[in-house]
PDB file of N, CA and C in Angstrom:
ATOM      1  N   MET A   1      19.729   1.654   1.482  1.00  0.00           N
ATOM      2  CA  MET A   1      18.505   0.885   1.527  1.00  0.00           C
ATOM      3  C   MET A   1      18.601  -0.219   0.474  1.00  0.00           C
ATOM      4  N   ASN A   2      18.135  -1.391   0.817  1.00  0.00           N
ATOM      5  CA  ASN A   2      18.183  -2.543  -0.061  1.00  0.00           C
ATOM      6  C   ASN A   2      17.374  -2.278  -1.330  1.00  0.00           C
ATOM      7  N   SER A   3      17.952  -2.594  -2.477  1.00  0.00           N
ATOM      8  CA  SER A   3      17.278  -2.310  -3.747  1.00  0.00           C
ATOM      9  C   SER A   3      16.021  -3.153  -3.933  1.00  0.00           C
ATOM     10  N   GLU A   4      15.975  -4.336  -3.348  1.00  0.00           N
ATOM     11  CA  GLU A   4      14.775  -5.180  -3.459  1.00  0.00           C
ATOM     12  C   GLU A   4      13.607  -4.577  -2.684  1.00  0.00           C
ATOM     13  N   ILE A   5      13.896  -3.959  -1.552  1.00  0.00           N
ATOM     14  CA  ILE A   5      12.845  -3.304  -0.770  1.00  0.00           C
ATOM     15  C   ILE A   5      12.299  -2.107  -1.534  1.00  0.00           C
ATOM     16  N   VAL A   6      13.194  -1.344  -2.134  1.00  0.00           N
ATOM     17  CA  VAL A   6      12.767  -0.177  -2.912  1.00  0.00           C
ATOM     18  C   VAL A   6      11.942  -0.624  -4.108  1.00  0.00           C
ATOM     19  N   ARG A   7      12.387  -1.667  -4.775  1.00  0.00           N
ATOM     20  CA  ARG A   7      11.657  -2.180  -5.944  1.00  0.00           C
ATOM     21  C   ARG A   7      10.269  -2.651  -5.551  1.00  0.00           C
ATOM     22  N   ALA A   8      10.161  -3.369  -4.451  1.00  0.00           N
ATOM     23  CA  ALA A   8       8.855  -3.835  -3.990  1.00  0.00           C
ATOM     24  C   ALA A   8       7.962  -2.661  -3.607  1.00  0.00           C
ATOM     25  N   GLY A   9       8.530  -1.659  -2.971  1.00  0.00           N
ATOM     26  CA  GLY A   9       7.751  -0.483  -2.597  1.00  0.00           C
ATOM     27  C   GLY A   9       7.232   0.279  -3.799  1.00  0.00           C
ATOM     28  N   VAL A  10       8.071   0.417  -4.817  1.00  0.00           N
ATOM     29  CA  VAL A  10       7.636   1.103  -6.037  1.00  0.00           C
ATOM     30  C   VAL A  10       6.542   0.300  -6.730  1.00  0.00           C
ATOM     31  N   LEU A  11       6.660  -1.008  -6.738  1.00  0.00           N
ATOM     32  CA  LEU A  11       5.621  -1.842  -7.347  1.00  0.00           C
ATOM     33  C   LEU A  11       4.293  -1.718  -6.605  1.00  0.00           C
ATOM     34  N   ILE A  12       4.336  -1.699  -5.288  1.00  0.00           N
ATOM     35  CA  ILE A  12       3.106  -1.562  -4.502  1.00  0.00           C
ATOM     36  C   ILE A  12       2.469  -0.202  -4.738  1.00  0.00           C
ATOM     37  N   GLY A  13       3.266   0.852  -4.676  1.00  0.00           N
ATOM     38  CA  GLY A  13       2.733   2.190  -4.912  1.00  0.00           C
ATOM     39  C   GLY A  13       2.181   2.354  -6.315  1.00  0.00           C
ATOM     40  N   SER A  14       2.881   1.799  -7.296  1.00  0.00           N
ATOM     41  CA  SER A  14       2.411   1.877  -8.678  1.00  0.00           C
ATOM     42  C   SER A  14       1.118   1.102  -8.864  1.00  0.00           C
ATOM     43  N   PHE A  15       1.010  -0.041  -8.222  1.00  0.00           N
ATOM     44  CA  PHE A  15      -0.215  -0.838  -8.311  1.00  0.00           C
ATOM     45  C   PHE A  15      -1.407  -0.058  -7.767  1.00  0.00           C
ATOM     46  N   LEU A  16      -1.211   0.631  -6.659  1.00  0.00           N
ATOM     47  CA  LEU A  16      -2.300   1.429  -6.092  1.00  0.00           C
ATOM     48  C   LEU A  16      -2.706   2.559  -7.033  1.00  0.00           C
ATOM     49  N   LEU A  17      -1.736   3.198  -7.648  1.00  0.00           N
ATOM     50  CA  LEU A  17      -2.044   4.309  -8.552  1.00  0.00           C
ATOM     51  C   LEU A  17      -2.646   3.829  -9.871  1.00  0.00           C
ATOM     52  N   VAL A  18      -2.076   2.770 -10.439  1.00  0.00           N
ATOM     53  CA  VAL A  18      -2.582   2.265 -11.720  1.00  0.00           C
ATOM     54  C   VAL A  18      -3.996   1.717 -11.564  1.00  0.00           C
ATOM     55  N   GLY A  19      -4.289   1.139 -10.433  1.00  0.00           N
ATOM     56  CA  GLY A  19      -5.644   0.642 -10.202  1.00  0.00           C
ATOM     57  C   GLY A  19      -6.628   1.720  -9.806  1.00  0.00           C
ATOM     58  N   GLY A  20      -6.157   2.758  -9.141  1.00  0.00           N
ATOM     59  CA  GLY A  20      -7.067   3.761  -8.595  1.00  0.00           C
ATOM     60  C   GLY A  20      -7.392   4.920  -9.508  1.00  0.00           C
ATOM     61  N   ILE A  21      -6.400   5.414 -10.228  1.00  0.00           N
ATOM     62  CA  ILE A  21      -6.625   6.616 -11.045  1.00  0.00           C
ATOM     63  C   ILE A  21      -7.679   6.394 -12.133  1.00  0.00           C
ATOM     64  N   PRO A  22      -7.632   5.307 -12.896  1.00  0.00           N
ATOM     65  CA  PRO A  22      -8.703   5.125 -13.894  1.00  0.00           C
ATOM     66  C   PRO A  22     -10.088   4.970 -13.269  1.00  0.00           C
ATOM     67  N   LEU A  23     -10.145   4.381 -12.100  1.00  0.00           N
ATOM     68  CA  LEU A  23     -11.445   4.206 -11.447  1.00  0.00           C
ATOM     69  C   LEU A  23     -12.054   5.531 -11.016  1.00  0.00           C
ATOM     70  N   LEU A  24     -11.231   6.535 -10.759  1.00  0.00           N
ATOM     71  CA  LEU A  24     -11.766   7.841 -10.379  1.00  0.00           C
ATOM     72  C   LEU A  24     -12.629   8.434 -11.487  1.00  0.00           C
ATOM     73  N   PHE A  25     -12.335   8.089 -12.738  1.00  0.00           N
ATOM     74  CA  PHE A  25     -13.112   8.607 -13.858  1.00  0.00           C
ATOM     75  C   PHE A  25     -14.350   7.767 -14.142  1.00  0.00           C
ATOM     76  N   VAL A  26     -14.386   6.542 -13.635  1.00  0.00           N
ATOM     77  CA  VAL A  26     -15.495   5.627 -13.915  1.00  0.00           C
ATOM     78  C   VAL A  26     -16.553   5.681 -12.821  1.00  0.00           C
ATOM     79  N   VAL A  27     -16.113   5.743 -11.572  1.00  0.00           N
ATOM     80  CA  VAL A  27     -17.026   5.679 -10.433  1.00  0.00           C
ATOM     81  C   VAL A  27     -17.742   7.019 -10.272  1.00  0.00           C
ATOM     82  N   GLU A  28     -19.010   6.951  -9.940  1.00  0.00           N
ATOM     83  CA  GLU A  28     -19.828   8.155  -9.773  1.00  0.00           C
ATOM     84  C   GLU A  28     -19.395   8.936  -8.529  1.00  0.00           C
ATOM     85  N   PRO A  29     -19.123  10.242  -8.691  1.00  0.00           N
ATOM     86  CA  PRO A  29     -18.719  11.055  -7.534  1.00  0.00           C
ATOM     87  C   PRO A  29     -19.823  11.119  -6.475  1.00  0.00           C
ATOM     88  N   GLY A  30     -19.410  11.158  -5.233  1.00  0.00           N
ATOM     89  CA  GLY A  30     -20.354  11.241  -4.127  1.00  0.00           C
ATOM     90  C   GLY A  30     -20.730   9.897  -3.543  1.00  0.00           C
ATOM     91  N   THR A  31     -20.278   8.822  -4.158  1.00  0.00           N
ATOM     92  CA  THR A  31     -20.599   7.497  -3.637  1.00  0.00           C
ATOM     93  C   THR A  31     -19.466   7.008  -2.741  1.00  0.00           C
ATOM     94  N   GLY A  32     -19.739   5.953  -2.025  1.00  0.00           N
ATOM     95  CA  GLY A  32     -18.727   5.371  -1.150  1.00  0.00           C
ATOM     96  C   GLY A  32     -17.549   4.814  -1.929  1.00  0.00           C
ATOM     97  N   GLU A  33     -17.833   4.243  -3.097  1.00  0.00           N
ATOM     98  CA  GLU A  33     -16.757   3.703  -3.924  1.00  0.00           C
ATOM     99  C   GLU A  33     -15.790   4.800  -4.368  1.00  0.00           C
ATOM    100  N   HIS A  34     -16.326   5.965  -4.669  1.00  0.00           N
ATOM    101  CA  HIS A  34     -15.477   7.082  -5.098  1.00  0.00           C
ATOM    102  C   HIS A  34     -14.572   7.539  -3.954  1.00  0.00           C
ATOM    103  N   VAL A  35     -15.113   7.589  -2.754  1.00  0.00           N
ATOM    104  CA  VAL A  35     -14.319   8.013  -1.593  1.00  0.00           C
ATOM    105  C   VAL A  35     -13.202   7.015  -1.321  1.00  0.00           C
ATOM    106  N   ILE A  36     -13.517   5.731  -1.363  1.00  0.00           N
ATOM    107  CA  ILE A  36     -12.506   4.704  -1.110  1.00  0.00           C
ATOM    108  C   ILE A  36     -11.432   4.727  -2.194  1.00  0.00           C
ATOM    109  N   THR A  37     -11.839   4.912  -3.443  1.00  0.00           N
ATOM    110  CA  THR A  37     -10.872   4.989  -4.536  1.00  0.00           C
ATOM    111  C   THR A  37      -9.976   6.210  -4.386  1.00  0.00           C
ATOM    112  N   LEU A  38     -10.549   7.328  -3.986  1.00  0.00           N
ATOM    113  CA  LEU A  38      -9.762   8.538  -3.765  1.00  0.00           C
ATOM    114  C   LEU A  38      -8.736   8.330  -2.655  1.00  0.00           C
ATOM    115  N   PHE A  39      -9.144   7.697  -1.562  1.00  0.00           N
ATOM    116  CA  PHE A  39      -8.203   7.402  -0.482  1.00  0.00           C
ATOM    117  C   PHE A  39      -7.112   6.438  -0.944  1.00  0.00           C
ATOM    118  N   THR A  40      -7.460   5.481  -1.791  1.00  0.00           N
ATOM    119  CA  THR A  40      -6.469   4.542  -2.313  1.00  0.00           C
ATOM    120  C   THR A  40      -5.409   5.268  -3.128  1.00  0.00           C
ATOM    121  N   VAL A  41      -5.838   6.194  -3.975  1.00  0.00           N
ATOM    122  CA  VAL A  41      -4.889   6.971  -4.778  1.00  0.00           C
ATOM    123  C   VAL A  41      -4.018   7.841  -3.874  1.00  0.00           C
ATOM    124  N   LEU A  42      -4.619   8.467  -2.876  1.00  0.00           N
ATOM    125  CA  LEU A  42      -3.844   9.302  -1.950  1.00  0.00           C
ATOM    126  C   LEU A  42      -2.823   8.476  -1.173  1.00  0.00           C
ATOM    127  N   ILE A  43      -3.210   7.294  -0.738  1.00  0.00           N
ATOM    128  CA  ILE A  43      -2.280   6.417  -0.023  1.00  0.00           C
ATOM    129  C   ILE A  43      -1.130   6.012  -0.942  1.00  0.00           C
ATOM    130  N   GLY A  44      -1.431   5.718  -2.202  1.00  0.00           N
ATOM    131  CA  GLY A  44      -0.380   5.374  -3.161  1.00  0.00           C
ATOM    132  C   GLY A  44       0.608   6.506  -3.363  1.00  0.00           C
ATOM    133  N   VAL A  45       0.101   7.730  -3.492  1.00  0.00           N
ATOM    134  CA  VAL A  45       0.976   8.892  -3.680  1.00  0.00           C
ATOM    135  C   VAL A  45       1.824   9.123  -2.436  1.00  0.00           C
ATOM    136  N   ILE A  46       1.200   9.082  -1.269  1.00  0.00           N
ATOM    137  CA  ILE A  46       1.936   9.284  -0.012  1.00  0.00           C
ATOM    138  C   ILE A  46       2.991   8.202   0.169  1.00  0.00           C
ATOM    139  N   PHE A  47       2.654   6.969  -0.176  1.00  0.00           N
ATOM    140  CA  PHE A  47       3.587   5.858  -0.051  1.00  0.00           C
ATOM    141  C   PHE A  47       4.804   6.065  -0.950  1.00  0.00           C
ATOM    142  N   LEU A  48       4.578   6.467  -2.193  1.00  0.00           N
ATOM    143  CA  LEU A  48       5.699   6.676  -3.110  1.00  0.00           C
ATOM    144  C   LEU A  48       6.560   7.868  -2.697  1.00  0.00           C
ATOM    145  N   VAL A  49       5.939   8.926  -2.205  1.00  0.00           N
ATOM    146  CA  VAL A  49       6.704  10.087  -1.742  1.00  0.00           C
ATOM    147  C   VAL A  49       7.540   9.713  -0.517  1.00  0.00           C
ATOM    148  N   ALA A  50       6.943   8.997   0.425  1.00  0.00           N
ATOM    149  CA  ALA A  50       7.679   8.578   1.620  1.00  0.00           C
ATOM    150  C   ALA A  50       8.830   7.645   1.250  1.00  0.00           C
ATOM    151  N   LEU A  51       8.609   6.778   0.285  1.00  0.00           N
ATOM    152  CA  LEU A  51       9.671   5.884  -0.167  1.00  0.00           C
ATOM    153  C   LEU A  51      10.802   6.676  -0.815  1.00  0.00           C
ATOM    154  N   GLY A  52      10.455   7.665  -1.609  1.00  0.00           N
ATOM    155  CA  GLY A  52      11.473   8.513  -2.225  1.00  0.00           C
ATOM    156  C   GLY A  52      12.284   9.275  -1.197  1.00  0.00           C
ATOM    157  N   VAL A  53      11.621   9.791  -0.171  1.00  0.00           N
ATOM    158  CA  VAL A  53      12.323  10.506   0.901  1.00  0.00           C
ATOM    159  C   VAL A  53      13.245   9.554   1.655  1.00  0.00           C
ATOM    160  N   ALA A  54      12.767   8.349   1.934  1.00  0.00           N
ATOM    161  CA  ALA A  54      13.591   7.377   2.656  1.00  0.00           C
ATOM    162  C   ALA A  54      14.826   6.988   1.850  1.00  0.00           C
ATOM    163  N   VAL A  55      14.671   6.836   0.551  1.00  0.00           N
ATOM    164  CA  VAL A  55      15.819   6.488  -0.295  1.00  0.00           C
ATOM    165  C   VAL A  55      16.819   7.637  -0.323  1.00  0.00           C
ATOM    166  N   ARG A  56      16.325   8.864  -0.452  1.00  0.00           N
ATOM    167  CA  ARG A  56      17.227  10.020  -0.481  1.00  0.00           C
ATOM    168  C   ARG A  56      17.981  10.162   0.840  1.00  0.00           C
ATOM    169  N   LEU A  57      17.297   9.928   1.955  1.00  0.00           N
ATOM    170  CA  LEU A  57      17.961  10.049   3.253  1.00  0.00           C
ATOM    171  C   LEU A  57      18.977   8.936   3.475  1.00  0.00           C
ATOM    172  N   SER A  58      18.709   7.754   2.938  1.00  0.00           N
ATOM    173  CA  SER A  58      19.640   6.646   3.144  1.00  0.00           C
ATOM    174  C   SER A  58      20.881   6.771   2.269  1.00  0.00           C
ATOM    175  N   GLN A  59      20.823   7.594   1.229  1.00  0.00           N
ATOM    176  CA  GLN A  59      21.984   7.775   0.356  1.00  0.00           C
ATOM    177  C   GLN A  59      22.999   8.748   0.937  1.00  0.00           C
ATOM    178  N   ARG A  60      22.632   9.479   1.952  1.00  0.00           N
ATOM    179  CA  ARG A  60      23.553  10.447   2.557  1.00  0.00           C
ATOM    180  C   ARG A  60      24.575   9.780   3.410  1.00  0.00           C
TER     181      ARG A  60
END
C-alpha cells in the first residue's frame, strides 16, 4: 500500500479522534451534539482499525 495513502488515512483518523474525544467531556450527555460527537469518535476508531488491517494484509 502506498505510504502517502496510509499517511493521509492516519491523519484523517487522528483528526476525528483529536477533535471528538475532548468534546465528549464538554458536551452535555443526552443531547444531539453528544450523539454526533460519539459517532464521530466511533467512525475515527473504525477508520483507523480498518486502515491498520488493510496495511497488514497488503504486507503479506
